[in-house]
Protein backbone atom coordinates (compact mmCIF):
# COMPACT_ATOMS: atom_id res chain seq x y z
CA UNK A 1 67.72 55.88 -109.64
CA UNK A 2 67.98 59.17 -110.60
CA UNK A 3 71.48 59.55 -108.72
CA UNK A 4 72.76 56.14 -110.11
CA UNK A 5 72.11 57.49 -113.76
CA UNK A 6 74.01 60.39 -113.58
CA UNK A 7 77.03 59.00 -111.54
CA UNK A 8 76.74 56.92 -114.94
CA UNK A 9 76.46 59.41 -117.40
CA UNK A 10 79.26 61.27 -116.02
CA UNK A 11 81.50 58.98 -116.41
CA UNK A 12 82.33 58.06 -112.15
CA UNK A 13 81.52 54.39 -111.74
CA UNK A 14 83.54 52.50 -109.80
CA UNK A 15 83.86 48.69 -110.30
CA UNK A 16 85.23 45.56 -107.92
CA UNK A 17 85.64 42.52 -109.90
CA UNK A 18 85.66 39.40 -107.59
CA UNK A 19 87.29 36.62 -109.30
CA UNK A 20 89.41 34.57 -106.37
CA UNK A 21 90.65 31.84 -108.80
CA UNK A 22 91.67 29.99 -110.30
CA UNK A 23 94.37 30.35 -113.40
CA UNK A 24 92.39 29.14 -116.30
CA UNK A 25 89.23 31.06 -114.87
CA UNK A 26 91.09 34.43 -114.47
CA UNK A 27 92.18 33.85 -118.08
CA UNK A 28 88.82 33.31 -118.83
CA UNK A 29 87.58 36.87 -117.29
CA UNK A 30 89.84 38.52 -119.47
CA UNK A 31 87.25 39.40 -122.43
CA UNK A 32 84.65 40.40 -119.56
CA UNK A 33 87.12 42.77 -118.13
CA UNK A 34 87.98 44.24 -121.57
CA UNK A 35 84.23 45.19 -121.63
CA UNK A 36 84.27 46.75 -118.53
CA UNK A 37 87.40 48.65 -119.01
CA UNK A 38 85.30 49.75 -122.15
CA UNK A 39 82.65 51.04 -121.06
CA UNK A 40 82.24 55.42 -121.24
CA UNK A 41 80.59 55.03 -117.42
CA UNK A 42 82.99 53.18 -115.83
CA UNK A 43 86.02 55.72 -114.29
CA UNK A 44 87.98 52.78 -111.90
CA UNK A 45 88.17 48.79 -111.64
CA UNK A 46 89.51 47.14 -108.98
CA UNK A 47 89.59 43.04 -108.90
CA UNK A 48 89.61 40.87 -105.59
CA UNK A 49 92.00 37.67 -105.97
CA UNK A 50 92.92 34.89 -103.96
CA UNK A 51 96.62 34.99 -102.93
CA UNK A 52 97.44 32.27 -103.79
CA UNK A 53 96.47 33.49 -107.64
CA UNK A 54 97.80 36.63 -107.27
CA UNK A 55 100.89 35.47 -110.05
CA UNK A 56 98.26 35.30 -112.39
CA UNK A 57 97.10 38.81 -112.39
CA UNK A 58 100.58 40.11 -113.55
CA UNK A 59 98.66 39.99 -117.12
CA UNK A 60 95.95 42.54 -116.13
CA UNK A 61 96.55 45.86 -117.53
CA UNK A 62 98.17 48.43 -115.47
CA UNK A 63 94.84 50.35 -114.65
CA UNK A 64 93.60 48.02 -112.44
CA UNK A 65 93.69 47.94 -108.88
CA UNK A 66 94.76 44.73 -107.69
CA UNK A 67 93.66 43.56 -103.96
CA UNK A 68 94.63 40.92 -102.90
CA UNK A 69 92.93 38.39 -99.88
CA UNK A 70 94.36 35.07 -98.12
CA UNK A 71 91.71 32.98 -97.84
CA UNK A 72 93.56 29.73 -96.98
CA UNK A 73 95.94 32.08 -94.59
CA UNK A 74 96.18 31.39 -90.89
CA UNK A 75 93.64 33.42 -89.74
CA UNK A 76 91.14 33.73 -92.74
CA UNK A 77 87.98 35.25 -90.66
CA UNK A 78 90.40 38.06 -89.56
CA UNK A 79 91.36 38.64 -93.47
CA UNK A 80 88.22 38.58 -94.60
CA UNK A 81 87.41 41.74 -91.91
CA UNK A 82 90.40 43.24 -92.62
CA UNK A 83 89.63 42.96 -96.45
CA UNK A 84 86.19 44.23 -96.65
CA UNK A 85 87.01 47.03 -94.29
CA UNK A 86 89.67 48.03 -96.77
CA UNK A 87 87.58 47.92 -99.76
CA UNK A 88 84.02 48.97 -98.18
CA UNK A 89 86.66 52.31 -97.87
CA UNK A 90 86.51 52.29 -101.80
CA UNK A 91 82.70 52.94 -102.00
CA UNK A 92 82.25 50.74 -104.99
CA UNK A 93 78.92 51.83 -107.03
CA UNK A 94 79.00 48.16 -108.18
CA UNK A 95 80.42 44.97 -107.69
CA UNK A 96 80.70 41.86 -110.02
CA UNK A 97 80.82 38.37 -108.92
CA UNK A 98 82.82 36.45 -111.87
CA UNK A 99 83.12 33.29 -109.37
CA UNK A 100 79.65 32.10 -108.77
CA UNK A 101 80.56 30.99 -105.58
CA UNK A 102 78.82 31.24 -102.21
CA UNK A 103 82.51 32.97 -100.48
CA UNK A 104 82.92 35.34 -103.81
CA UNK A 105 79.06 36.11 -103.59
CA UNK A 106 79.44 36.90 -99.80
CA UNK A 107 82.62 38.45 -100.16
CA UNK A 108 81.18 41.01 -102.98
CA UNK A 109 78.31 41.42 -100.77
CA UNK A 110 79.55 42.56 -98.07
CA UNK A 111 81.81 45.00 -99.59
CA UNK A 112 79.29 46.88 -102.03
CA UNK A 113 75.19 46.99 -101.69
CA UNK A 114 74.80 46.08 -105.76
CA UNK A 115 76.39 43.28 -106.84
CA UNK A 116 75.67 40.80 -110.05
CA UNK A 117 76.29 37.52 -110.93
CA UNK A 118 75.44 34.80 -112.91
CA UNK A 119 71.62 33.12 -114.05
CA UNK A 120 70.63 31.39 -110.71
CA UNK A 121 70.26 28.60 -113.11
CA UNK A 122 73.37 27.98 -113.96
CA UNK A 123 75.68 28.90 -111.04
CA UNK A 124 78.23 26.77 -109.83
CA UNK A 125 76.63 27.19 -106.12
CA UNK A 126 73.04 28.28 -106.06
CA UNK A 127 73.08 29.63 -102.47
CA UNK A 128 75.56 32.36 -104.41
CA UNK A 129 72.53 33.85 -106.36
CA UNK A 130 70.77 35.17 -102.96
CA UNK A 131 73.34 37.85 -102.35
CA UNK A 132 73.50 39.27 -105.76
CA UNK A 133 71.32 39.96 -108.71
CA UNK A 134 71.14 36.77 -110.94
CA UNK A 135 71.68 37.85 -114.45
CA UNK A 136 69.21 35.61 -117.12
CA UNK A 137 71.75 33.86 -119.43
CA UNK A 138 71.26 32.88 -123.23
CA UNK A 139 70.90 29.15 -124.65
CA UNK A 140 73.35 30.00 -126.95
CA UNK A 141 76.59 31.41 -124.38
CA UNK A 142 77.91 27.79 -123.78
CA UNK A 143 81.72 28.41 -123.28
CA UNK A 144 82.54 30.31 -119.92
CA UNK A 145 84.21 33.07 -121.82
CA UNK A 146 80.54 34.22 -122.72
CA UNK A 147 78.68 33.90 -119.60
CA UNK A 148 81.51 36.02 -117.89
CA UNK A 149 80.91 38.45 -120.47
CA UNK A 150 77.02 38.18 -119.67
CA UNK A 151 77.89 39.02 -116.66
CA UNK A 152 80.47 41.33 -116.96
CA UNK A 153 77.57 43.32 -119.13
CA UNK A 154 74.28 42.95 -117.33
CA UNK A 155 74.32 46.63 -115.69
CA UNK A 156 74.06 47.91 -118.58
CA UNK A 157 72.19 45.62 -120.82
CA UNK A 158 69.18 47.20 -122.53
CA UNK A 159 65.61 45.46 -122.68
CA UNK A 160 66.74 45.05 -126.45
CA UNK A 161 69.96 43.41 -125.60
CA UNK A 162 68.90 40.35 -123.05
CA UNK A 163 67.16 37.98 -125.22
CA UNK A 164 70.31 38.00 -127.67
CA UNK A 165 73.46 35.80 -127.39
CA UNK A 166 76.74 37.30 -125.65
CA UNK A 167 79.24 36.75 -128.26
CA UNK A 168 82.62 34.56 -127.59
CA UNK A 169 85.54 36.74 -127.60
CA UNK A 170 88.80 34.93 -126.77
CA UNK A 171 91.03 35.72 -124.37
CA UNK A 172 93.95 37.84 -125.07
CA UNK A 173 97.09 39.75 -123.40
CA UNK A 174 97.80 42.08 -124.24
CA UNK A 175 101.08 43.13 -121.95
CA UNK A 176 104.61 42.35 -122.98
CA UNK A 177 107.15 41.48 -120.74
CA UNK A 178 110.77 41.63 -121.23
CA UNK A 179 112.48 38.69 -119.58
CA UNK A 180 115.73 36.54 -120.25
CA UNK A 181 114.66 32.56 -119.92
CA UNK A 182 117.48 30.00 -119.90
CA UNK A 183 120.32 30.19 -122.49
CA UNK A 184 120.01 26.33 -123.45
CA UNK A 185 116.67 27.38 -125.06
CA UNK A 186 118.49 29.01 -128.00
CA UNK A 187 119.60 25.99 -128.87
CA UNK A 188 116.08 23.67 -129.34
CA UNK A 189 114.31 26.25 -131.40
CA UNK A 190 112.03 25.28 -133.14
CA UNK A 191 110.06 23.71 -129.95
CA UNK A 192 106.93 22.68 -128.23
CA UNK A 193 105.44 23.13 -125.49
CA UNK A 194 104.90 19.51 -122.93
CA UNK A 195 102.72 21.07 -119.99
CA UNK A 196 101.80 17.09 -117.76
CA UNK A 197 99.67 19.16 -115.36
CA UNK A 198 96.26 18.41 -114.96
CA UNK A 199 95.25 20.28 -112.18
CA UNK A 200 93.42 16.49 -111.28
CA UNK A 201 94.56 13.26 -111.97
CA UNK A 202 91.66 12.37 -114.59
CA UNK A 203 93.19 15.60 -117.40
CA UNK A 204 96.73 13.45 -117.17
CA UNK A 205 97.38 12.27 -120.08
CA UNK A 206 99.14 8.61 -120.32
CA UNK A 207 102.70 9.07 -120.07
CA UNK A 208 103.06 6.55 -122.80
CA UNK A 209 101.02 9.20 -125.35
CA UNK A 210 103.81 11.82 -124.21
CA UNK A 211 106.52 9.76 -125.09
CA UNK A 212 104.31 8.56 -129.01
CA UNK A 213 103.63 12.08 -129.28
CA UNK A 214 107.41 13.26 -128.27
CA UNK A 215 109.65 10.89 -130.88
CA UNK A 216 106.51 11.32 -133.83
CA UNK A 217 108.06 15.56 -133.03
CA UNK A 218 111.68 14.83 -132.93
CA UNK A 219 111.04 13.44 -135.98
CA UNK A 220 109.76 16.04 -137.63
CA UNK A 221 112.24 17.99 -136.50
CA UNK A 222 111.17 19.84 -133.36
CA UNK A 223 112.14 20.28 -129.69
CA UNK A 224 110.22 19.04 -126.91
CA UNK A 225 110.80 21.61 -123.85
CA UNK A 226 109.00 20.28 -120.85
CA UNK A 227 107.15 22.89 -118.46
CA UNK A 228 106.30 21.88 -115.01
CA UNK A 229 105.12 23.97 -111.90
CA UNK A 230 105.13 21.59 -109.15
CA UNK A 231 107.90 18.60 -107.27
CA UNK A 232 105.68 15.87 -108.59
CA UNK A 233 105.33 17.08 -112.71
CA UNK A 234 108.91 17.92 -112.66
CA UNK A 235 110.20 14.70 -111.51
CA UNK A 236 107.50 13.25 -114.15
CA UNK A 237 109.20 15.45 -116.67
CA UNK A 238 113.04 14.55 -116.18
CA UNK A 239 111.63 10.76 -116.56
CA UNK A 240 109.70 11.19 -119.67
CA UNK A 241 113.04 12.77 -121.04
CA UNK A 242 114.99 10.21 -120.58
CA UNK A 243 114.18 8.90 -123.71
CA UNK A 244 115.92 12.54 -125.11
CA UNK A 245 113.14 14.16 -126.34
CA UNK A 246 114.46 18.00 -124.98
CA UNK A 247 114.75 20.07 -122.35
CA UNK A 248 113.28 20.36 -119.17
CA UNK A 249 112.95 23.57 -118.01
CA UNK A 250 115.47 23.97 -114.54
CA UNK A 251 113.01 26.05 -112.69
CA UNK A 252 109.05 27.21 -112.32
CA UNK A 253 108.65 30.07 -114.43
CA UNK A 254 107.21 33.36 -113.37
CA UNK A 255 104.14 34.55 -115.39
CA UNK A 256 106.19 37.39 -117.41
CA UNK A 257 108.74 34.06 -118.03
CA UNK A 258 105.85 32.14 -118.71
CA UNK A 259 104.47 34.99 -121.03
CA UNK A 260 108.03 35.31 -122.94
CA UNK A 261 108.77 31.81 -122.92
CA UNK A 262 105.28 30.53 -124.88
CA UNK A 263 105.46 33.66 -126.87
CA UNK A 264 108.51 32.13 -128.39
CA UNK A 265 107.18 28.66 -129.07
CA UNK A 266 106.18 27.32 -132.03
CA UNK A 267 102.95 25.53 -129.89
CA UNK A 268 101.72 23.90 -126.66
CA UNK A 269 100.20 21.07 -125.66
CA UNK A 270 98.58 20.81 -122.71
CA UNK A 271 95.14 19.63 -121.05
CA UNK A 272 92.42 22.07 -119.12
CA UNK A 273 94.25 23.88 -117.38
CA UNK A 274 95.76 27.91 -116.36
CA UNK A 275 99.02 27.18 -118.66
CA UNK A 276 96.85 26.31 -121.73
CA UNK A 277 94.75 29.29 -122.10
CA UNK A 278 97.33 31.67 -120.84
CA UNK A 279 99.09 30.34 -123.84
CA UNK A 280 95.95 30.47 -126.06
CA UNK A 281 95.59 34.46 -124.98
CA UNK A 282 99.19 34.79 -126.05
CA UNK A 283 98.03 33.92 -129.36
CA UNK A 284 100.78 30.70 -129.02
CA UNK A 285 98.95 28.08 -131.34
CA UNK A 286 97.10 25.46 -128.33
CA UNK A 287 96.69 21.71 -128.54
CA UNK A 288 94.34 20.61 -125.73
CA UNK A 289 92.77 17.39 -125.30
CA UNK A 290 89.59 16.98 -123.63
CA UNK A 291 87.76 14.29 -121.69
CA UNK A 292 86.31 14.81 -118.10
CA UNK A 293 85.90 18.29 -118.66
CA UNK A 294 83.68 19.97 -121.63
CA UNK A 295 85.83 21.33 -124.42
CA UNK A 296 82.17 23.46 -125.45
CA UNK A 297 82.26 25.38 -122.32
CA UNK A 298 85.79 25.21 -121.08
CA UNK A 299 88.56 25.30 -124.09
CA UNK A 300 89.96 28.26 -125.81
CA UNK A 301 88.50 28.68 -129.40
CA UNK A 302 91.29 30.69 -130.92
CA UNK A 303 91.83 30.77 -134.51
CA UNK A 304 94.90 28.80 -133.79
CA UNK A 305 93.76 26.76 -130.75
CA UNK A 306 93.13 22.90 -132.14
CA UNK A 307 91.62 20.41 -129.79
CA UNK A 308 91.47 16.93 -129.49
CA UNK A 309 88.46 15.00 -127.59
CA UNK A 310 88.04 11.52 -126.28
CA UNK A 311 84.08 11.62 -126.14
CA UNK A 312 83.40 9.18 -123.79
CA UNK A 313 80.16 7.21 -123.11
CA UNK A 314 80.33 8.37 -119.63
CA UNK A 315 81.60 12.24 -120.45
CA UNK A 316 82.25 14.51 -119.43
CA UNK A 317 81.75 14.47 -116.13
CA UNK A 318 83.83 17.14 -114.08
CA UNK A 319 84.87 14.32 -112.07
CA UNK A 320 88.66 15.10 -109.96
CA UNK A 321 88.67 10.67 -109.25
CA UNK A 322 87.16 7.77 -111.67
CA UNK A 323 86.83 3.97 -110.63
CA UNK A 324 86.43 3.90 -114.81
CA UNK A 325 89.38 5.99 -116.11
CA UNK A 326 88.75 5.75 -119.97
CA UNK A 327 88.84 8.79 -120.98
CA UNK A 328 92.45 9.94 -121.22
CA UNK A 329 93.33 6.46 -123.15
CA UNK A 330 90.94 7.10 -125.70
CA UNK A 331 93.41 10.15 -127.08
CA UNK A 332 95.38 8.85 -129.67
CA UNK A 333 99.17 10.71 -130.67
CA UNK A 334 98.31 10.07 -134.09
CA UNK A 335 95.58 13.27 -133.57
CA UNK A 336 97.90 15.38 -131.53
CA UNK A 337 100.69 15.26 -134.17
CA UNK A 338 97.70 15.80 -137.10
CA UNK A 339 97.08 19.04 -134.64
CA UNK A 340 101.05 20.30 -135.36
CA UNK A 341 100.62 19.56 -139.26
CA UNK A 342 97.14 21.49 -139.57
CA UNK A 343 99.45 24.39 -137.26
CA UNK A 344 102.29 23.92 -139.95
CA UNK A 345 99.39 24.34 -142.52
CA UNK A 346 98.13 27.97 -141.32
CA UNK A 347 101.63 29.38 -140.53
């Protein structure tokens, strides 16, 4: 204990953050990362991410050293051995499990003997708490940003602070990127981004609702730019744009391109996805719609973040499939257009 205190006082604490995925979840963790970086005791911060989501870590501050692990590769066990061996050699003083899964807690524990994680009462996979020190949460910490900040601060919380709720801080991306966007966008300003993806089907807005919103915004003088992340979304975007709403991006944008694109957008309309959370973290006005996932827990709550919630009796259910799919049908196009008008009033 004395050695640990001396190390902390000397400011040479070396921290590993384990946050493997996914897009939006990594954005949610940015305020917690800032908490760690701000600690005077901390000298180095490393981040372990699943290779499939390494593109998101391009928004992290440059002083954070990122490590990749291919858990879905051809030889996952061999990959785990490689990463554990390499990161053990770093000799971390402590690890922070921002994921709350068995795989993340095990990886953290194999790499570092001192691991902090979520409260065992709220952790996503209960056995994960067996391998780490659980951090008692406060009932007022509803948003996931607050819960991750609690884990980040837990190694240093005083007895007096343990019973105080961690405040919500909106994620922010401070990195700036200088990239060239498609020339066609120059003629479309002001534009509103439609992100059609939903990560799973129950988050997706009906096509007809998108069209109604698009027509209303076109009448108000906006162009619609369709943003997509896979072939299915691209096809859907092209079909919706047959009504002549605006422009379909010709390719999937990289992270630097997305950041530049969102910074130039009037607003982004999206479901609970990584795209939504990245846009909000960049300070772009966002309009999100909520049915199967809980707005209080997941949504960005910055000054320019607006929400449309269906609130069915059966939700939020957090289900990827549904036999009585009504929550997205309950989202009214007029409510989304009204959010645009509220953004106009604030700008």
